[in-house]
Protein backbone atom coordinates (compact mmCIF):
# COMPACT_ATOMS: atom_id res chain seq x y z
CA MET A 1 53.75 11.59 121.62
CA LYS A 2 53.54 11.97 125.38
CA ALA A 3 56.16 9.30 125.70
CA LEU A 4 58.30 11.01 123.27
CA LYS A 5 58.07 14.26 125.01
CA LEU A 6 58.73 12.83 128.31
CA ALA A 7 61.73 10.82 127.30
CA PRO A 8 64.21 13.76 126.98
CA LEU A 9 62.86 15.03 130.42
CA ALA A 10 63.46 11.60 131.89
CA LEU A 11 66.88 11.41 130.13
CA GLY A 12 67.62 14.63 131.45
CA VAL A 13 66.89 13.70 135.00
CA VAL A 14 69.02 10.49 134.76
CA VAL A 15 72.03 12.63 133.20
CA ALA A 16 71.53 15.32 135.89
CA THR A 17 71.39 12.69 138.67
CA SER A 18 74.48 10.93 137.08
CA MET A 19 76.32 14.32 136.85
CA SER A 20 75.47 15.21 140.47
CA VAL A 21 76.66 11.74 141.64
CA GLY A 22 79.90 12.22 139.60
CA LEU A 23 80.44 15.86 141.04
CA ALA A 24 79.95 14.58 144.48
CA GLN A 25 82.33 11.77 144.01
CA GLY A 26 84.87 14.10 142.60
CA LEU A 27 84.38 16.57 145.30
CA SER A 28 84.76 13.68 147.82
CA VAL A 29 88.10 12.73 146.16
CA HIS A 30 89.03 16.49 146.22
CA LEU A 31 88.39 16.94 149.80
CA GLU A 32 90.09 13.67 150.64
CA ARG A 33 93.23 14.69 148.81
CA SER A 34 93.05 18.11 150.50
CA VAL A 35 93.96 16.42 153.66
CA VAL A 36 97.80 16.38 154.24
CA GLY A 37 99.12 13.05 153.89
CA PRO A 38 100.47 10.39 151.24
CA GLY A 39 98.89 10.57 147.88
CA PRO A 40 99.19 11.62 144.30
CA ASP A 41 98.64 15.42 145.09
CA TYR A 42 102.14 15.51 146.83
CA TRP A 43 105.56 15.23 145.36
CA PRO A 44 107.65 12.53 147.09
CA ASN A 45 110.10 12.89 150.07
CA ARG A 46 108.37 15.68 151.92
CA GLU A 47 109.04 13.75 155.04
CA LYS A 48 112.87 13.97 154.50
CA ALA A 49 112.96 17.76 154.82
CA ILE A 50 114.35 19.17 158.07
CA PRO A 51 114.89 22.84 159.20
CA HIS A 52 118.58 22.94 158.56
CA VAL A 53 120.83 23.30 155.68
CA SER A 54 122.40 19.86 156.13
CA GLY A 55 119.06 18.28 155.24
CA ASP A 56 120.31 18.43 151.67
CA GLU A 57 122.40 15.49 152.40
CA ALA A 58 119.12 13.27 152.19
CA PHE A 59 118.04 14.90 148.67
CA SER A 60 121.19 15.24 146.65
CA ASN A 61 124.81 14.10 146.64
CA THR A 62 126.21 17.73 146.50
CA TYR A 63 126.07 19.13 150.06
CA GLN A 64 129.54 18.17 150.75
CA TYR A 65 130.78 20.36 147.81
CA TRP A 66 129.06 23.69 149.07
CA LYS A 67 128.41 23.44 152.68
CA ASP A 68 131.03 26.23 153.13
CA ALA A 69 133.57 28.43 151.55
CA GLU A 70 136.25 25.84 152.05
CA ALA A 71 134.29 22.94 150.62
CA ILE A 72 133.42 25.22 147.56
CA ALA A 73 137.11 26.00 147.04
CA ALA A 74 137.96 22.37 147.31
CA ALA A 75 135.17 21.50 144.75
CA ARG A 76 136.29 24.12 142.22
CA GLN A 77 139.98 22.75 142.61
CA GLU A 78 138.58 19.29 141.65
CA GLY A 79 136.81 20.91 138.52
CA ARG A 80 133.32 20.32 139.88
CA MET A 81 130.57 21.91 137.72
CA SER A 82 128.21 24.63 139.27
CA HIS A 83 125.22 22.63 139.66
CA GLU A 84 127.20 20.21 141.72
CA MET A 85 127.84 22.89 144.16
CA ASN A 86 124.23 23.96 144.17
CA PHE A 87 125.45 27.20 142.31
CA LYS A 88 126.92 28.43 145.45
CA ASP A 89 130.39 28.79 143.71
CA PHE A 90 129.31 32.09 142.12
CA ARG A 91 125.83 33.01 143.63
CA TRP A 92 126.72 32.81 147.22
CA LEU A 93 130.53 33.88 147.17
CA GLU A 94 130.62 36.45 144.48
CA ARG A 95 129.36 39.89 145.59
CA SER A 96 127.14 41.99 143.21
CA MET A 97 128.35 45.53 142.54
CA GLU A 98 124.84 46.45 141.34
CA GLY A 99 123.26 45.07 144.45
CA GLU A 100 125.81 47.20 146.53
CA GLU A 101 124.49 50.30 144.71
CA LEU A 102 120.86 49.47 145.40
CA ALA A 103 121.84 48.78 149.20
CA GLU A 104 123.24 52.21 149.40
CA ARG A 105 119.90 53.61 148.17
CA GLY A 106 118.20 51.55 150.49
CA SER A 107 120.41 53.13 153.29
CA GLU A 108 119.30 56.48 152.11
CA LEU A 109 115.73 55.64 152.53
CA PHE A 110 116.40 53.99 155.90
CA HIS A 111 117.84 57.47 157.08
CA ARG A 112 115.31 59.67 155.38
CA LYS A 113 113.19 61.67 157.77
CA ASN A 114 109.51 62.21 157.38
CA GLN A 115 107.74 65.46 158.23
CA ASN A 116 107.89 64.70 161.85
CA GLY A 117 111.75 64.15 161.82
CA GLN A 118 111.42 60.37 162.22
CA SER A 119 113.14 57.65 160.07
CA CYS A 120 113.85 54.11 160.07
CA ALA A 121 117.27 54.82 161.85
CA SER A 122 115.35 56.82 164.70
CA CYS A 123 114.33 53.48 166.15
CA HIS A 124 116.89 50.95 164.73
CA GLY A 125 120.21 52.78 165.04
CA ASP A 126 122.21 55.20 162.76
CA ASN A 127 123.98 52.41 161.27
CA GLY A 128 121.19 49.90 161.74
CA GLU A 129 122.96 48.27 164.67
CA LYS A 130 119.84 47.28 166.50
CA ILE A 131 118.75 45.16 163.58
CA SER A 132 122.04 44.00 162.45
CA ASP A 133 121.11 40.30 162.46
CA ALA A 134 117.41 40.81 161.85
CA GLN A 135 117.71 39.13 158.22
CA SER A 136 118.82 35.95 159.92
CA ARG A 137 115.76 35.70 162.18
CA PHE A 138 112.91 36.29 159.82
CA PRO A 139 110.31 35.42 159.17
CA ALA A 140 109.24 35.56 162.80
CA PHE A 141 106.01 35.74 164.82
CA ASN A 142 104.93 39.30 165.46
CA LYS A 143 103.08 39.52 168.67
CA ARG A 144 101.38 42.96 167.92
CA LEU A 145 100.04 41.82 164.51
CA GLY A 146 99.19 38.37 166.03
CA ARG A 147 100.95 36.49 162.97
CA VAL A 148 104.05 35.31 161.33
CA VAL A 149 105.49 37.87 159.09
CA THR A 150 108.29 38.10 156.53
CA MET A 151 110.93 40.85 156.41
CA PRO A 152 109.02 42.72 153.66
CA THR A 153 105.76 42.62 155.79
CA GLN A 154 107.74 43.91 158.85
CA ILE A 155 109.19 46.72 156.87
CA GLY A 156 105.85 47.59 155.42
CA SER A 157 104.20 47.65 158.79
CA CYS A 158 106.85 49.84 160.49
CA ALA A 159 106.89 52.13 157.65
CA SER A 160 103.09 52.55 157.83
CA GLU A 161 102.84 52.96 161.61
CA ARG A 162 105.87 54.85 162.47
CA LEU A 163 106.58 56.84 159.31
CA GLY A 164 103.16 57.20 157.64
CA GLU A 165 104.65 55.63 154.45
CA ASN A 166 102.94 53.13 152.15
CA TRP A 167 105.92 50.78 151.67
CA VAL A 168 104.10 47.63 151.41
CA GLU A 169 105.82 44.36 150.26
CA ASP A 170 105.90 44.78 146.41
CA THR A 171 107.04 48.34 146.24
CA LYS A 172 110.43 49.75 145.26
CA GLU A 173 111.03 51.42 148.76
CA ASN A 174 110.36 48.24 150.59
CA SER A 175 112.71 46.18 148.34
CA LEU A 176 115.54 48.75 148.59
CA ILE A 177 115.35 48.95 152.33
CA GLY A 178 115.22 45.16 152.33
CA MET A 179 118.44 44.75 150.36
CA TYR A 180 120.18 47.23 152.76
CA VAL A 181 118.96 45.29 155.87
CA ALA A 182 120.17 42.07 154.49
CA THR A 183 123.53 43.52 153.93
CA LEU A 184 123.82 44.27 157.61
CA ALA A 185 123.45 40.55 158.47
CA ASP A 186 126.08 39.53 155.92
CA GLY A 187 127.96 36.57 157.11
CA VAL A 188 125.39 35.74 159.88
CA PRO A 189 124.03 32.29 159.86
CA VAL A 190 120.35 31.87 159.25
CA ASN A 191 118.58 30.97 162.39
CA ILE A 192 114.82 30.59 162.08
CA ASP A 193 113.38 28.98 165.07
CA VAL A 194 110.57 26.56 163.99
CA SER A 195 110.79 24.31 167.14
CA GLY A 196 107.24 25.25 168.32
CA GLY A 197 104.11 27.50 168.36
CA GLU A 198 103.16 29.51 165.34
CA MET A 199 106.54 29.20 163.79
CA LYS A 200 106.40 25.34 163.65
CA ALA A 201 102.86 25.45 162.42
CA SER A 202 103.91 27.90 159.60
CA TYR A 203 106.81 25.78 158.77
CA GLU A 204 104.71 22.53 158.37
CA ARG A 205 102.20 24.28 156.34
CA GLY A 206 104.95 25.95 154.02
CA ARG A 207 106.47 22.49 153.74
CA ASP A 208 103.27 20.94 152.66
CA LEU A 209 102.67 23.81 150.12
CA PHE A 210 106.16 23.47 148.65
CA PHE A 211 105.62 19.67 148.12
CA LYS A 212 101.93 19.95 146.88
CA ARG A 213 101.19 19.57 143.19
CA THR A 214 99.03 22.41 141.63
CA GLY A 215 98.53 24.58 138.60
CA HIS A 216 98.33 23.93 134.98
CA PHE A 217 101.18 21.66 134.87
CA ASN A 218 100.27 19.94 138.07
CA PHE A 219 103.91 20.86 139.44
CA ALA A 220 104.93 21.28 142.99
CA CYS A 221 107.76 23.60 143.92
CA ALA A 222 109.65 20.40 144.68
CA SER A 223 109.08 19.16 141.25
CA CYS A 224 112.02 21.44 139.97
CA HIS A 225 114.00 21.81 143.37
CA THR A 226 114.50 18.17 144.27
CA PRO A 227 116.28 15.32 142.39
CA PRO A 228 116.14 14.04 139.84
CA THR A 229 115.13 17.45 138.28
CA SER A 230 117.42 19.75 140.43
CA GLY A 231 120.85 19.77 138.93
CA SER A 232 119.48 18.70 135.65
CA TYR A 233 118.55 20.80 132.58
CA LEU A 234 115.06 22.20 132.59
CA ARG A 235 114.10 24.76 130.02
CA ILE A 236 118.03 25.56 129.58
CA GLN A 237 118.24 26.15 133.50
CA ARG A 238 119.58 23.82 136.17
CA PRO A 239 117.37 24.40 139.29
CA THR A 240 118.93 24.34 142.62
CA THR A 241 117.92 22.24 145.58
CA PHE A 242 115.91 24.25 148.16
CA PHE A 243 118.42 24.18 150.89
CA GLY A 244 120.72 27.27 151.41
CA ASP A 245 119.23 29.41 148.71
CA ALA A 246 117.16 31.70 151.21
CA ALA A 247 120.54 32.96 152.60
CA GLN A 248 121.12 34.86 149.45
CA TYR A 249 118.03 36.83 149.23
CA PRO A 250 117.33 39.61 148.31
CA VAL A 251 119.25 39.16 145.03
CA TYR A 252 119.96 41.54 142.14
CA HIS A 253 118.24 39.89 139.25
CA PHE A 254 119.08 41.92 136.16
CA PRO A 255 117.64 42.04 133.60
CA TYR A 256 114.56 39.91 134.67
CA SER A 257 111.43 41.49 136.41
CA LEU A 258 107.73 40.34 136.62
CA PRO A 259 105.29 42.30 134.15
CA GLY A 260 104.32 45.66 135.73
CA ASP A 261 107.03 45.58 138.33
CA ASP A 262 109.23 48.52 139.02
CA LEU A 263 111.54 47.08 141.91
CA GLU A 264 115.06 47.91 140.58
CA TYR A 265 115.34 44.31 139.53
CA ILE A 266 115.49 43.46 143.29
CA PHE A 267 114.05 39.99 143.92
CA THR A 268 113.06 39.23 147.52
CA LEU A 269 112.33 35.64 148.33
CA GLN A 270 108.64 36.46 148.33
CA HIS A 271 109.13 37.92 144.73
CA GLN A 272 111.14 34.79 143.87
CA ILE A 273 108.24 32.44 144.89
CA LYS A 274 105.87 34.53 143.00
CA SER A 275 108.09 34.25 139.90
CA CYS A 276 108.42 30.59 140.07
CA GLN A 277 104.73 30.36 140.48
CA ILE A 278 104.05 32.31 137.40
CA LEU A 279 106.74 30.44 135.28
CA SER A 280 105.31 27.07 136.41
CA ARG A 281 101.79 28.05 135.61
CA MET A 282 100.65 28.05 139.14
CA TYR A 283 98.11 30.76 140.58
CA PRO A 284 100.60 33.33 141.83
CA GLY A 285 100.25 34.08 145.47
CA VAL A 286 100.04 37.64 147.16
CA GLU A 287 103.21 38.80 148.70
CA GLY A 288 102.90 38.76 152.58
CA SER A 289 99.92 36.49 152.51
CA GLU A 290 99.82 33.46 154.83
CA PRO A 291 100.46 30.77 152.26
CA MET A 292 103.34 32.75 150.80
CA THR A 293 104.73 33.53 154.29
CA ASP A 294 104.38 29.92 155.10
CA ILE A 295 106.56 29.05 152.08
CA GLU A 296 109.32 31.53 153.03
CA VAL A 297 109.23 30.11 156.65
CA PHE A 298 109.86 26.65 155.15
CA LEU A 299 112.67 27.76 152.79
CA GLN A 300 114.46 30.00 155.26
CA ALA A 301 114.53 27.30 157.99
CA SER A 302 115.98 24.91 155.21
CA SER A 303 118.84 27.31 155.25
CA ASN A 304 119.38 27.25 158.94
CA GLY A 305 123.06 27.19 159.78
CA PHE A 306 124.16 28.73 156.41
CA PRO A 307 125.81 32.18 156.42
CA ILE A 308 123.88 35.19 154.84
CA SER A 309 125.49 36.45 151.63
CA ALA A 310 124.35 39.86 150.50
CA PRO A 311 124.21 41.38 148.13
CA VAL A 312 124.54 38.85 145.17
CA ASN A 313 123.46 38.51 141.66
CA PHE A 314 120.92 35.87 140.58
CA TYR A 315 123.40 35.06 137.74
CA ASN A 316 127.09 36.08 138.40
CA LEU A 317 128.33 33.65 135.55
CA ASP A 318 131.80 33.42 137.06
CA ALA A 319 133.10 30.26 135.55
CA GLY A 320 136.72 31.44 134.98
CA TYR A 321 138.03 28.59 137.26
CA MET A 322 136.75 26.09 134.89
CA GLU A 323 139.10 27.28 132.07
C-alpha cells in the first residue's frame, strides 16, 4: 500500500521535473529567437530594406510605375492596374474633399487661444510658416524629452506644456491638428535622417518589429506588405508594399474607425499601424510608445524621397481611366 501511495508522488515528481525541463528548453528557445537574426521568427528579406522609397525595387516589380506623377500617368496610359502602381494612382494623386474640411477644422484649433491668449500659431506662425515642412521631418529625436517622437506625440507634448490642453496622441484634437500640419508640407519630399544616433537605432528596431512574426496568426507586418502577398488579394484587399505609403498620412478613412474611436475618421500612421495589428490578431500597441514610434520611423524612412500628399482618402476608388 505504501508503494502504491508513493507511486503517484514519484510519478508527479518525474512529470514535474520533465515539465520543468521542457519549460526551460522552451524558454531557452524563446530567448534565443528573441535575439535579432535569421530564424523562423522573422519574415524573409529584412536585410533588403533601405531608408529610401527606391528600396521598393528590391521587393516588387512596380516601383517604375509609381515613383512619380509622370510614371503614374504613363502607367495609366498603358492600362496598368492600381496594385501595379502601389495604389498611388488614386491614393497619392487624388485629393480628399472631406480631408480638406477636416484640415480646416484643424487650422481653427491651431489658432484657438487658451485663457492666456496663447495658441499653436503663437509659436509656429499665423499660417504655420515655421513648421511648413515639419511633417517631412518627423519622427525626430526630441532633446527635451530625450527620445524619438512622432508628430502626434510632438503635438500632444506642445499642447500640454504650452497651452495646458490634454491633446494626446489618440484624441480628436490631436488628429485634426495633425491633418492640418500635414497639409502645410504637401509636396515636400519625406526626409527622415536615420544615418546615426537615436534615429538609426529606432529605425533598426522598427525594421525588426516590422519583419517579426507575432500574434494569433504568427504574422509579421511584412507578411502582408511584401511580395508575394502585396499586390495579391488578401481578404478582398490588395495590400501595398511598405514603401511610399507613409507620405500620405494622415488619411481620411471614411467610413472605418476602430471601436471606441471618435477621431473624425482620421487615421494617423500610428492609428493605421494599430488598426493593422488588430486586423492581423496581433496585440495592439499604444500610440506614441517606443515600439509604435520605432515602426513609424521605419515606415517614414522607407518613404524618404517621396513627396507628401495631403489630404487624401484611404479609398478614393477613382478607376475611370480604366474604362
